[in-house]
Structures are given as structure tokens and as C-alpha cells.
Amino acid sequence: MSEQTYLRSSYAAPQIAHAYGERVHLLDDPLALTWLSRLGARSTTQPEVGRLVRRLYEQLAWIVIAAELPRERVAVPTRMVASEPSAVYRGVAIDPRTPAVTVGIARAGTVPSQVFYEMLNEVLDPANVRQDHLFMSRAVDAEGRVTGSTWHDAKIGTDVDERVIVFPDPMGATGSSMIEAIRHYRTRLKGTPRKIVCVHLIVTPEYLKRVTSEQPDVVVYALRHDRGLSPDDALGALPGSDARERGLDSHQYIIPGAGGLGEILNNAWI
């Protein structure tokens, strides 16, 4: 009988408890939180900002690919098989035939999407991996409050059938841009996605409640859950369990957040 231990995998990244549902994963990673706190510090500028974002998304890509992509059973002869016929690894691996798309939402999502694209090409058959680009921005009113999203351009493929679609966008604030992007992929392209995964550095209660309400089958990963404007007693409650939780100020920026990451990444203070 061959080795049986690795024929199944129940991998899941460590995460904190919350009340947002089983498709939301708020990760419990002290090293990533250390890097993320450094990324958001007032004293951190380029080139360290770029290095930290890439490092954090390399870690997130590792977790998401391991947890969310389909697996297959493999039998791989090792170099020892020439002298010992039983020297064959039998177990699970990521199915390289999986078709995948990573979507770069400019500006803050460009580097994270590139990180996912590079790692997906290492794991999957590159012929099945695509990177799309969306150019969107917040629409604001005269007082600077976010009212929605504005499309500028899109460079994307034509089909999504059976593909795993990844949206690696650092800040999950209001959910407006993400909801618009997901709707575009569901309604404007051919086919039905196998799975949609949104991958963030920071999310707010407002973002999670909107995404889980309007797109309940979407999977969400985040390193940190920011709700800094919540009442003190709500801050002591299980994330997602108190309707008074708030992570957005009057201009829809995340508190504590990371301070305009798209601008910081590009040195574009507009």
C-alpha cells in the first residue's frame, strides 16, 4: 500500500473569529500585521512602501492559492526512483489546469495583481492565466463624500467561464468599486466564473456588510479589520456582531487605515 497521509488536504489559514459568515476570512498573522502597521506609518515612504505591499501580497497570494484553488491527486516519481521503484510522492497538489484571472484595479491594485499574476503563472499552466486591468476612481460630491465609482477604461479578456477570478485590491472601504467590478464580470463577459475571491490588506465593517449582502457567494480575504470609529463597547464585541461598528470617516476614508495607499504607491498626491 502506498502512503495515504497526503491524499487529502484541509488547509485553511489561521483567522480571527467574526460574524460575517464563512466566506469572509480575517487572517490572524502577526508577521503580516507587523508589516502592515509599518506600511501605514506616517514615516514610511517609497521605496519601502512598494516593497511592503509586494511582500504582503506575496503572503496573501500564497494563502489564497493554497486555500481556494482546486486540488488534484498526483503521483510524482522522485530522483530516487531509479534505485527504488517505490520512491513516488503520492498526494495532493494544486490542479495546474485551473483557469484563473487576476484583475488589477488601478491605481492601488496594480502591484498586488501583478504579484498574483506572477505566482499563478508559477503554479498553473500559464496558458490558463490572464491578467486584466480596470481603471476606476471614486466619484465624490462637492463635500468630498464618496458617491460611487467612475469607469475610465478597461483592458480585459472576453470570457470568465469556469475561471477563478481574483480581485487583489488593498483597501476595502465602501465596497462601491468592488461591487461595480464584480457586476461587470458577471454581466458583461461570457460564461460563469467558478469562484470570485477579493483579497485585501484592510477592510471595514461597511465594506464587508455590503459585499456579503450584495454578492453573497464572493470569498473575501483580509489581513486587518479596521473599525476605529466604533463606540468603545462595540470595539470589544465580535467583529461583525454590532450594527454600530464604523471604519469610515465622513469622507469615506478608513480609520485607522493606511492613508491613501494609491497615492502613496505612486507618489501622486492629487
C-alpha atoms as a PDB file:
ATOM      1  CA  MET A   1       0.000   0.000   0.000  1.00  0.00           C
ATOM      2  CA  SER A   2       1.261   3.494  -0.847  1.00  0.00           C
ATOM      3  CA  GLU A   3       1.413   6.455   1.544  1.00  0.00           C
ATOM      4  CA  GLN A   4      -2.085   7.724   2.442  1.00  0.00           C
ATOM      5  CA  THR A   5      -1.302  10.725   4.660  1.00  0.00           C
ATOM      6  CA  TYR A   6      -1.183  13.366   1.926  1.00  0.00           C
ATOM      7  CA  LEU A   7      -4.112  12.211  -0.203  1.00  0.00           C
ATOM      8  CA  ARG A   8      -6.363  14.772   1.473  1.00  0.00           C
ATOM      9  CA  SER A   9      -5.864  18.382   2.479  1.00  0.00           C
ATOM     10  CA  SER A  10      -7.942  20.561   4.797  1.00  0.00           C
ATOM     11  CA  TYR A  11      -5.678  23.592   4.624  1.00  0.00           C
ATOM     12  CA  ALA A  12      -7.067  26.852   5.986  1.00  0.00           C
ATOM     13  CA  ALA A  13      -5.104  29.881   7.136  1.00  0.00           C
ATOM     14  CA  PRO A  14      -5.381  30.934  10.811  1.00  0.00           C
ATOM     15  CA  GLN A  15      -8.058  33.595  11.220  1.00  0.00           C
ATOM     16  CA  ILE A  16      -9.910  35.549  13.869  1.00  0.00           C
ATOM     17  CA  ALA A  17     -13.497  34.813  14.853  1.00  0.00           C
ATOM     18  CA  HIS A  18     -16.183  37.106  13.410  1.00  0.00           C
ATOM     19  CA  ALA A  19     -19.870  37.245  12.472  1.00  0.00           C
ATOM     20  CA  TYR A  20     -19.588  37.985   8.739  1.00  0.00           C
ATOM     21  CA  GLY A  21     -20.115  34.428   7.540  1.00  0.00           C
ATOM     22  CA  GLU A  22     -17.942  31.548   6.413  1.00  0.00           C
ATOM     23  CA  ARG A  23     -16.860  33.166   3.131  1.00  0.00           C
ATOM     24  CA  VAL A  24     -15.058  36.007   4.924  1.00  0.00           C
ATOM     25  CA  HIS A  25     -11.534  35.268   6.183  1.00  0.00           C
ATOM     26  CA  LEU A  26      -9.968  37.818   8.545  1.00  0.00           C
ATOM     27  CA  LEU A  27      -6.472  36.428   8.865  1.00  0.00           C
ATOM     28  CA  ASP A  28      -4.567  36.042  12.121  1.00  0.00           C
ATOM     29  CA  ASP A  29      -0.950  36.630  11.103  1.00  0.00           C
ATOM     30  CA  PRO A  30       1.343  38.564  13.485  1.00  0.00           C
ATOM     31  CA  LEU A  31       4.123  38.939  10.919  1.00  0.00           C
ATOM     32  CA  ALA A  32       1.790  40.351   8.269  1.00  0.00           C
ATOM     33  CA  LEU A  33       0.236  42.697  10.836  1.00  0.00           C
ATOM     34  CA  THR A  34       3.725  43.917  11.725  1.00  0.00           C
ATOM     35  CA  TRP A  35       4.495  44.743   8.104  1.00  0.00           C
ATOM     36  CA  LEU A  36       1.056  46.272   7.600  1.00  0.00           C
ATOM     37  CA  SER A  37       1.451  48.569  10.613  1.00  0.00           C
ATOM     38  CA  ARG A  38       4.786  49.691   9.182  1.00  0.00           C
ATOM     39  CA  LEU A  39       3.161  50.289   5.785  1.00  0.00           C
ATOM     40  CA  GLY A  40       0.574  52.626   7.328  1.00  0.00           C
ATOM     41  CA  ALA A  41       3.033  54.591   9.468  1.00  0.00           C
ATOM     42  CA  ARG A  42       3.412  58.303   8.638  1.00  0.00           C
ATOM     43  CA  SER A  43       7.179  57.919   8.321  1.00  0.00           C
ATOM     44  CA  THR A  44       7.038  55.165   5.685  1.00  0.00           C
ATOM     45  CA  THR A  45       7.595  56.325   2.099  1.00  0.00           C
ATOM     46  CA  GLN A  46       8.840  54.920  -1.177  1.00  0.00           C
ATOM     47  CA  PRO A  47      10.686  52.699  -1.880  1.00  0.00           C
ATOM     48  CA  GLU A  48       9.755  50.899   1.364  1.00  0.00           C
ATOM     49  CA  VAL A  49       6.020  51.265   0.622  1.00  0.00           C
ATOM     50  CA  GLY A  50       6.376  49.353  -2.618  1.00  0.00           C
ATOM     51  CA  ARG A  51       8.461  46.626  -1.022  1.00  0.00           C
ATOM     52  CA  LEU A  52       5.971  46.156   1.822  1.00  0.00           C
ATOM     53  CA  VAL A  53       2.949  45.955  -0.470  1.00  0.00           C
ATOM     54  CA  ARG A  54       4.667  43.352  -2.628  1.00  0.00           C
ATOM     55  CA  ARG A  55       5.772  41.345   0.417  1.00  0.00           C
ATOM     56  CA  LEU A  56       2.290  41.375   1.944  1.00  0.00           C
ATOM     57  CA  TYR A  57       0.639  40.306  -1.287  1.00  0.00           C
ATOM     58  CA  GLU A  58       3.146  37.521  -1.828  1.00  0.00           C
ATOM     59  CA  GLN A  59       1.998  36.184   1.532  1.00  0.00           C
ATOM     60  CA  LEU A  60      -1.673  36.665   0.655  1.00  0.00           C
ATOM     61  CA  ALA A  61      -1.239  35.033  -2.752  1.00  0.00           C
ATOM     62  CA  TRP A  62       0.360  32.005  -1.103  1.00  0.00           C
ATOM     63  CA  ILE A  63      -2.590  31.665   1.294  1.00  0.00           C
ATOM     64  CA  VAL A  64      -5.340  32.227  -1.271  1.00  0.00           C
ATOM     65  CA  ILE A  65      -3.862  29.886  -3.878  1.00  0.00           C
ATOM     66  CA  ALA A  66      -3.387  27.154  -1.274  1.00  0.00           C
ATOM     67  CA  ALA A  67      -6.877  27.544   0.193  1.00  0.00           C
ATOM     68  CA  GLU A  68      -9.090  28.419  -2.771  1.00  0.00           C
ATOM     69  CA  LEU A  69      -7.748  26.755  -5.916  1.00  0.00           C
ATOM     70  CA  PRO A  70      -8.901  23.216  -6.720  1.00  0.00           C
ATOM     71  CA  ARG A  71      -6.593  20.307  -5.940  1.00  0.00           C
ATOM     72  CA  GLU A  72      -5.793  17.050  -7.678  1.00  0.00           C
ATOM     73  CA  ARG A  73      -4.156  13.801  -6.647  1.00  0.00           C
ATOM     74  CA  VAL A  74      -0.699  13.287  -8.088  1.00  0.00           C
ATOM     75  CA  ALA A  75       1.911  10.556  -8.307  1.00  0.00           C
ATOM     76  CA  VAL A  76       5.334  12.104  -8.905  1.00  0.00           C
ATOM     77  CA  PRO A  77       8.447   9.881  -9.205  1.00  0.00           C
ATOM     78  CA  THR A  78      11.362  11.432  -7.327  1.00  0.00           C
ATOM     79  CA  ARG A  79      15.036  11.243  -8.282  1.00  0.00           C
ATOM     80  CA  MET A  80      15.327   8.165  -6.057  1.00  0.00           C
ATOM     81  CA  VAL A  81      13.034   6.119  -8.289  1.00  0.00           C
ATOM     82  CA  ALA A  82      15.981   4.907 -10.395  1.00  0.00           C
ATOM     83  CA  SER A  83      17.229   2.872  -7.434  1.00  0.00           C
ATOM     84  CA  GLU A  84      13.928   2.327  -5.626  1.00  0.00           C
ATOM     85  CA  PRO A  85      10.692   1.938  -7.656  1.00  0.00           C
ATOM     86  CA  SER A  86       8.522   2.919  -4.671  1.00  0.00           C
ATOM     87  CA  ALA A  87      10.131   6.392  -4.497  1.00  0.00           C
ATOM     88  CA  VAL A  88       6.989   8.111  -5.740  1.00  0.00           C
ATOM     89  CA  TYR A  89       5.259  11.009  -3.961  1.00  0.00           C
ATOM     90  CA  ARG A  90       1.521  10.315  -3.854  1.00  0.00           C
ATOM     91  CA  GLY A  91      -0.647  13.103  -2.513  1.00  0.00           C
ATOM     92  CA  VAL A  92      -2.413  16.332  -3.409  1.00  0.00           C
ATOM     93  CA  ALA A  93      -1.279  19.357  -5.377  1.00  0.00           C
ATOM     94  CA  ILE A  94      -2.913  22.422  -6.910  1.00  0.00           C
ATOM     95  CA  ASP A  95      -4.601  21.433 -10.172  1.00  0.00           C
ATOM     96  CA  PRO A  96      -2.471  23.158 -12.849  1.00  0.00           C
ATOM     97  CA  ARG A  97      -5.329  23.017 -15.370  1.00  0.00           C
ATOM     98  CA  THR A  98      -7.347  25.575 -13.368  1.00  0.00           C
ATOM     99  CA  PRO A  99      -8.105  28.695 -15.456  1.00  0.00           C
ATOM    100  CA  ALA A 100      -7.625  31.917 -13.498  1.00  0.00           C
ATOM    101  CA  VAL A 101      -7.863  35.679 -13.927  1.00  0.00           C
ATOM    102  CA  THR A 102      -6.339  38.313 -11.688  1.00  0.00           C
ATOM    103  CA  VAL A 103      -7.745  41.830 -12.002  1.00  0.00           C
ATOM    104  CA  GLY A 104      -5.609  44.914 -11.445  1.00  0.00           C
ATOM    105  CA  ILE A 105      -7.791  47.842 -10.382  1.00  0.00           C
ATOM    106  CA  ALA A 106      -5.681  50.969 -10.912  1.00  0.00           C
ATOM    107  CA  ARG A 107      -4.068  52.537  -9.034  1.00  0.00           C
ATOM    108  CA  ALA A 108      -3.627  50.730  -5.733  1.00  0.00           C
ATOM    109  CA  GLY A 109      -4.419  47.282  -7.154  1.00  0.00           C
ATOM    110  CA  THR A 110      -1.792  47.274  -9.910  1.00  0.00           C
ATOM    111  CA  VAL A 111       1.132  45.895  -7.887  1.00  0.00           C
ATOM    112  CA  PRO A 112      -0.989  43.364  -5.930  1.00  0.00           C
ATOM    113  CA  SER A 113      -2.459  41.977  -9.161  1.00  0.00           C
ATOM    114  CA  GLN A 114       0.999  41.643 -10.696  1.00  0.00           C
ATOM    115  CA  VAL A 115       2.129  39.656  -7.641  1.00  0.00           C
ATOM    116  CA  PHE A 116      -0.820  37.271  -8.028  1.00  0.00           C
ATOM    117  CA  TYR A 117      -0.239  37.011 -11.767  1.00  0.00           C
ATOM    118  CA  GLU A 118       3.398  36.013 -11.308  1.00  0.00           C
ATOM    119  CA  MET A 119       2.616  33.395  -8.650  1.00  0.00           C
ATOM    120  CA  LEU A 120      -0.324  31.938 -10.589  1.00  0.00           C
ATOM    121  CA  ASN A 121       1.969  31.504 -13.587  1.00  0.00           C
ATOM    122  CA  GLU A 122       4.381  29.578 -11.363  1.00  0.00           C
ATOM    123  CA  VAL A 123       1.658  27.230 -10.088  1.00  0.00           C
ATOM    124  CA  LEU A 124      -0.761  26.846 -13.001  1.00  0.00           C
ATOM    125  CA  ASP A 125      -0.351  26.259 -16.712  1.00  0.00           C
ATOM    126  CA  PRO A 126       0.495  29.817 -17.879  1.00  0.00           C
ATOM    127  CA  ALA A 127      -1.741  29.320 -20.901  1.00  0.00           C
ATOM    128  CA  ASN A 128      -4.693  29.375 -18.480  1.00  0.00           C
ATOM    129  CA  VAL A 129      -3.647  32.505 -16.546  1.00  0.00           C
ATOM    130  CA  ARG A 130      -4.767  36.004 -17.540  1.00  0.00           C
ATOM    131  CA  GLN A 131      -4.307  39.459 -16.059  1.00  0.00           C
ATOM    132  CA  ASP A 132      -6.985  42.088 -16.676  1.00  0.00           C
ATOM    133  CA  HIS A 133      -6.803  45.816 -15.968  1.00  0.00           C
ATOM    134  CA  LEU A 134      -9.593  48.109 -14.804  1.00  0.00           C
ATOM    135  CA  PHE A 135      -9.233  51.849 -14.499  1.00  0.00           C
ATOM    136  CA  MET A 136     -11.654  53.191 -11.929  1.00  0.00           C
ATOM    137  CA  SER A 137     -11.793  56.010  -9.407  1.00  0.00           C
ATOM    138  CA  ARG A 138     -14.020  57.198  -6.604  1.00  0.00           C
ATOM    139  CA  ALA A 139     -16.783  59.612  -7.547  1.00  0.00           C
ATOM    140  CA  VAL A 140     -17.254  62.309  -4.902  1.00  0.00           C
ATOM    141  CA  ASP A 141     -19.723  65.109  -4.274  1.00  0.00           C
ATOM    142  CA  ALA A 142     -18.960  68.782  -3.584  1.00  0.00           C
ATOM    143  CA  GLU A 143     -18.200  67.991   0.072  1.00  0.00           C
ATOM    144  CA  GLY A 144     -15.732  65.238  -0.835  1.00  0.00           C
ATOM    145  CA  ARG A 145     -18.021  62.365   0.158  1.00  0.00           C
ATOM    146  CA  VAL A 146     -17.824  59.213  -1.941  1.00  0.00           C
ATOM    147  CA  THR A 147     -20.940  58.717  -4.053  1.00  0.00           C
ATOM    148  CA  GLY A 148     -19.869  55.766  -6.176  1.00  0.00           C
ATOM    149  CA  SER A 149     -17.302  54.765  -8.802  1.00  0.00           C
ATOM    150  CA  THR A 150     -16.347  56.156 -12.190  1.00  0.00           C
ATOM    151  CA  TRP A 151     -15.073  53.951 -15.030  1.00  0.00           C
ATOM    152  CA  HIS A 152     -12.263  55.322 -17.163  1.00  0.00           C
ATOM    153  CA  ASP A 153     -11.196  52.303 -19.227  1.00  0.00           C
ATOM    154  CA  ALA A 154     -10.874  48.529 -19.154  1.00  0.00           C
ATOM    155  CA  LYS A 155      -8.389  46.156 -20.756  1.00  0.00           C
ATOM    156  CA  ILE A 156      -9.872  42.744 -20.116  1.00  0.00           C
ATOM    157  CA  GLY A 157     -10.482  39.396 -21.787  1.00  0.00           C
ATOM    158  CA  THR A 158     -13.778  38.241 -23.214  1.00  0.00           C
ATOM    159  CA  ASP A 159     -14.696  35.211 -21.108  1.00  0.00           C
ATOM    160  CA  VAL A 160     -14.702  34.095 -17.480  1.00  0.00           C
ATOM    161  CA  ASP A 161     -16.327  30.691 -17.794  1.00  0.00           C
ATOM    162  CA  GLU A 162     -15.161  28.323 -15.032  1.00  0.00           C
ATOM    163  CA  ARG A 163     -12.326  30.672 -14.143  1.00  0.00           C
ATOM    164  CA  VAL A 164     -11.247  31.610 -10.639  1.00  0.00           C
ATOM    165  CA  ILE A 165     -11.292  35.425 -10.608  1.00  0.00           C
ATOM    166  CA  VAL A 166      -9.102  37.249  -8.073  1.00  0.00           C
ATOM    167  CA  PHE A 167      -9.502  40.934  -7.213  1.00  0.00           C
ATOM    168  CA  PRO A 168      -6.389  41.910  -5.182  1.00  0.00           C
ATOM    169  CA  ASP A 169      -7.315  45.434  -4.093  1.00  0.00           C
ATOM    170  CA  PRO A 170      -5.557  46.721  -0.929  1.00  0.00           C
ATOM    171  CA  MET A 171      -8.307  48.820   0.693  1.00  0.00           C
ATOM    172  CA  GLY A 172     -11.856  47.517   1.130  1.00  0.00           C
ATOM    173  CA  ALA A 173     -13.540  50.778   2.190  1.00  0.00           C
ATOM    174  CA  THR A 174     -17.078  51.382   0.921  1.00  0.00           C
ATOM    175  CA  GLY A 175     -17.325  48.474  -1.493  1.00  0.00           C
ATOM    176  CA  SER A 176     -18.545  50.680  -4.361  1.00  0.00           C
ATOM    177  CA  SER A 177     -15.674  49.978  -6.751  1.00  0.00           C
ATOM    178  CA  MET A 178     -15.529  46.283  -5.940  1.00  0.00           C
ATOM    179  CA  ILE A 179     -19.257  45.757  -6.405  1.00  0.00           C
ATOM    180  CA  GLU A 180     -19.124  47.543  -9.774  1.00  0.00           C
ATOM    181  CA  ALA A 181     -16.146  45.466 -10.878  1.00  0.00           C
ATOM    182  CA  ILE A 182     -17.792  42.179  -9.867  1.00  0.00           C
ATOM    183  CA  ARG A 183     -21.024  43.118 -11.637  1.00  0.00           C
ATOM    184  CA  HIS A 184     -19.067  43.921 -14.779  1.00  0.00           C
ATOM    185  CA  TYR A 185     -17.503  40.464 -14.790  1.00  0.00           C
ATOM    186  CA  ARG A 186     -20.802  38.742 -14.098  1.00  0.00           C
ATOM    187  CA  THR A 187     -22.848  40.572 -16.720  1.00  0.00           C
ATOM    188  CA  ARG A 188     -20.534  41.809 -19.496  1.00  0.00           C
ATOM    189  CA  LEU A 189     -18.296  38.781 -20.102  1.00  0.00           C
ATOM    190  CA  LYS A 190     -19.084  35.310 -21.423  1.00  0.00           C
ATOM    191  CA  GLY A 191     -19.649  32.429 -19.064  1.00  0.00           C
ATOM    192  CA  THR A 192     -19.963  31.923 -15.321  1.00  0.00           C
ATOM    193  CA  PRO A 193     -16.945  32.205 -13.003  1.00  0.00           C
ATOM    194  CA  ARG A 194     -16.018  29.186 -10.936  1.00  0.00           C
ATOM    195  CA  LYS A 195     -15.219  31.415  -7.963  1.00  0.00           C
ATOM    196  CA  ILE A 196     -14.635  35.101  -7.183  1.00  0.00           C
ATOM    197  CA  VAL A 197     -12.102  35.996  -4.496  1.00  0.00           C
ATOM    198  CA  CYS A 198     -11.454  39.529  -3.184  1.00  0.00           C
ATOM    199  CA  VAL A 199      -8.099  39.951  -1.436  1.00  0.00           C
ATOM    200  CA  HIS A 200      -7.367  42.991   0.739  1.00  0.00           C
ATOM    201  CA  LEU A 201      -4.886  44.367   3.215  1.00  0.00           C
ATOM    202  CA  ILE A 202      -7.564  46.230   5.204  1.00  0.00           C
ATOM    203  CA  VAL A 203     -11.367  46.080   5.218  1.00  0.00           C
ATOM    204  CA  THR A 204     -14.069  47.985   7.082  1.00  0.00           C
ATOM    205  CA  PRO A 205     -17.345  46.767   8.582  1.00  0.00           C
ATOM    206  CA  GLU A 206     -19.147  48.845   5.949  1.00  0.00           C
ATOM    207  CA  TYR A 207     -17.308  47.074   3.148  1.00  0.00           C
ATOM    208  CA  LEU A 208     -17.885  43.566   4.477  1.00  0.00           C
ATOM    209  CA  LYS A 209     -21.580  44.136   5.172  1.00  0.00           C
ATOM    210  CA  ARG A 210     -22.169  45.489   1.673  1.00  0.00           C
ATOM    211  CA  VAL A 211     -20.203  42.828  -0.183  1.00  0.00           C
ATOM    212  CA  THR A 212     -21.676  39.920   1.766  1.00  0.00           C
ATOM    213  CA  SER A 213     -25.160  41.360   1.256  1.00  0.00           C
ATOM    214  CA  GLU A 214     -24.953  42.178  -2.460  1.00  0.00           C
ATOM    215  CA  GLN A 215     -22.554  39.416  -3.555  1.00  0.00           C
ATOM    216  CA  PRO A 216     -23.088  36.617  -1.020  1.00  0.00           C
ATOM    217  CA  ASP A 217     -21.129  33.961  -2.953  1.00  0.00           C
ATOM    218  CA  VAL A 218     -17.926  36.037  -3.120  1.00  0.00           C
ATOM    219  CA  VAL A 219     -14.980  34.940  -0.949  1.00  0.00           C
ATOM    220  CA  VAL A 220     -13.115  37.692   0.931  1.00  0.00           C
ATOM    221  CA  TYR A 221      -9.634  37.602   2.477  1.00  0.00           C
ATOM    222  CA  ALA A 222      -8.165  40.451   4.542  1.00  0.00           C
ATOM    223  CA  LEU A 223      -5.215  40.936   6.844  1.00  0.00           C
ATOM    224  CA  ARG A 224      -6.891  43.540   9.040  1.00  0.00           C
ATOM    225  CA  HIS A 225     -10.406  44.661  10.011  1.00  0.00           C
ATOM    226  CA  ASP A 226     -10.465  48.412  10.779  1.00  0.00           C
ATOM    227  CA  ARG A 227     -13.384  49.847  12.775  1.00  0.00           C
ATOM    228  CA  GLY A 228     -11.684  52.718  14.568  1.00  0.00           C
ATOM    229  CA  LEU A 229     -14.755  54.993  14.701  1.00  0.00           C
ATOM    230  CA  SER A 230     -16.932  52.460  16.538  1.00  0.00           C
ATOM    231  CA  PRO A 231     -18.196  53.041  20.099  1.00  0.00           C
ATOM    232  CA  ASP A 232     -15.924  51.616  22.785  1.00  0.00           C
ATOM    233  CA  ASP A 233     -18.296  48.815  23.734  1.00  0.00           C
ATOM    234  CA  ALA A 234     -18.676  47.808  20.061  1.00  0.00           C
ATOM    235  CA  LEU A 235     -14.892  47.555  19.785  1.00  0.00           C
ATOM    236  CA  GLY A 236     -14.987  44.887  22.463  1.00  0.00           C
ATOM    237  CA  ALA A 237     -17.571  42.827  20.586  1.00  0.00           C
ATOM    238  CA  LEU A 238     -17.058  40.110  17.994  1.00  0.00           C
ATOM    239  CA  PRO A 239     -16.317  41.770  14.623  1.00  0.00           C
ATOM    240  CA  GLY A 240     -19.486  41.957  12.568  1.00  0.00           C
ATOM    241  CA  SER A 241     -21.820  41.455  15.511  1.00  0.00           C
ATOM    242  CA  ASP A 242     -22.622  45.096  16.365  1.00  0.00           C
ATOM    243  CA  ALA A 243     -24.523  47.285  13.885  1.00  0.00           C
ATOM    244  CA  ARG A 244     -22.785  50.392  15.297  1.00  0.00           C
ATOM    245  CA  GLU A 245     -19.369  49.373  14.001  1.00  0.00           C
ATOM    246  CA  ARG A 246     -17.766  52.036  11.812  1.00  0.00           C
ATOM    247  CA  GLY A 247     -14.490  52.186   9.961  1.00  0.00           C
ATOM    248  CA  LEU A 248     -15.125  55.130   7.609  1.00  0.00           C
ATOM    249  CA  ASP A 249     -14.940  58.851   8.301  1.00  0.00           C
ATOM    250  CA  SER A 250     -17.233  61.448   6.701  1.00  0.00           C
ATOM    251  CA  HIS A 251     -15.132  61.388   3.512  1.00  0.00           C
ATOM    252  CA  GLN A 252     -15.249  57.574   3.352  1.00  0.00           C
ATOM    253  CA  TYR A 253     -11.603  57.037   4.282  1.00  0.00           C
ATOM    254  CA  ILE A 254     -10.608  54.125   6.507  1.00  0.00           C
ATOM    255  CA  ILE A 255      -9.766  54.763  10.171  1.00  0.00           C
ATOM    256  CA  PRO A 256      -7.062  53.885  11.193  1.00  0.00           C
ATOM    257  CA  GLY A 257      -6.369  52.741   7.621  1.00  0.00           C
ATOM    258  CA  ALA A 258      -3.142  53.314   5.700  1.00  0.00           C
ATOM    259  CA  GLY A 259      -3.632  56.856   4.420  1.00  0.00           C
ATOM    260  CA  GLY A 260      -4.357  56.964   0.695  1.00  0.00           C
ATOM    261  CA  LEU A 261      -2.388  53.920  -0.427  1.00  0.00           C
ATOM    262  CA  GLY A 262      -2.961  54.520  -4.138  1.00  0.00           C
ATOM    263  CA  GLU A 263      -1.417  57.968  -3.817  1.00  0.00           C
ATOM    264  CA  ILE A 264       1.467  56.740  -1.666  1.00  0.00           C
ATOM    265  CA  LEU A 265       2.331  53.899  -4.027  1.00  0.00           C
ATOM    266  CA  ASN A 266       2.518  56.273  -6.975  1.00  0.00           C
ATOM    267  CA  ASN A 267       3.691  59.476  -5.262  1.00  0.00           C
ATOM    268  CA  ALA A 268       0.612  61.059  -6.771  1.00  0.00           C
ATOM    269  CA  TRP A 269      -0.921  63.393  -4.183  1.00  0.00           C
ATOM    270  CA  ILE A 270      -3.894  64.730  -6.115  1.00  0.00           C
END
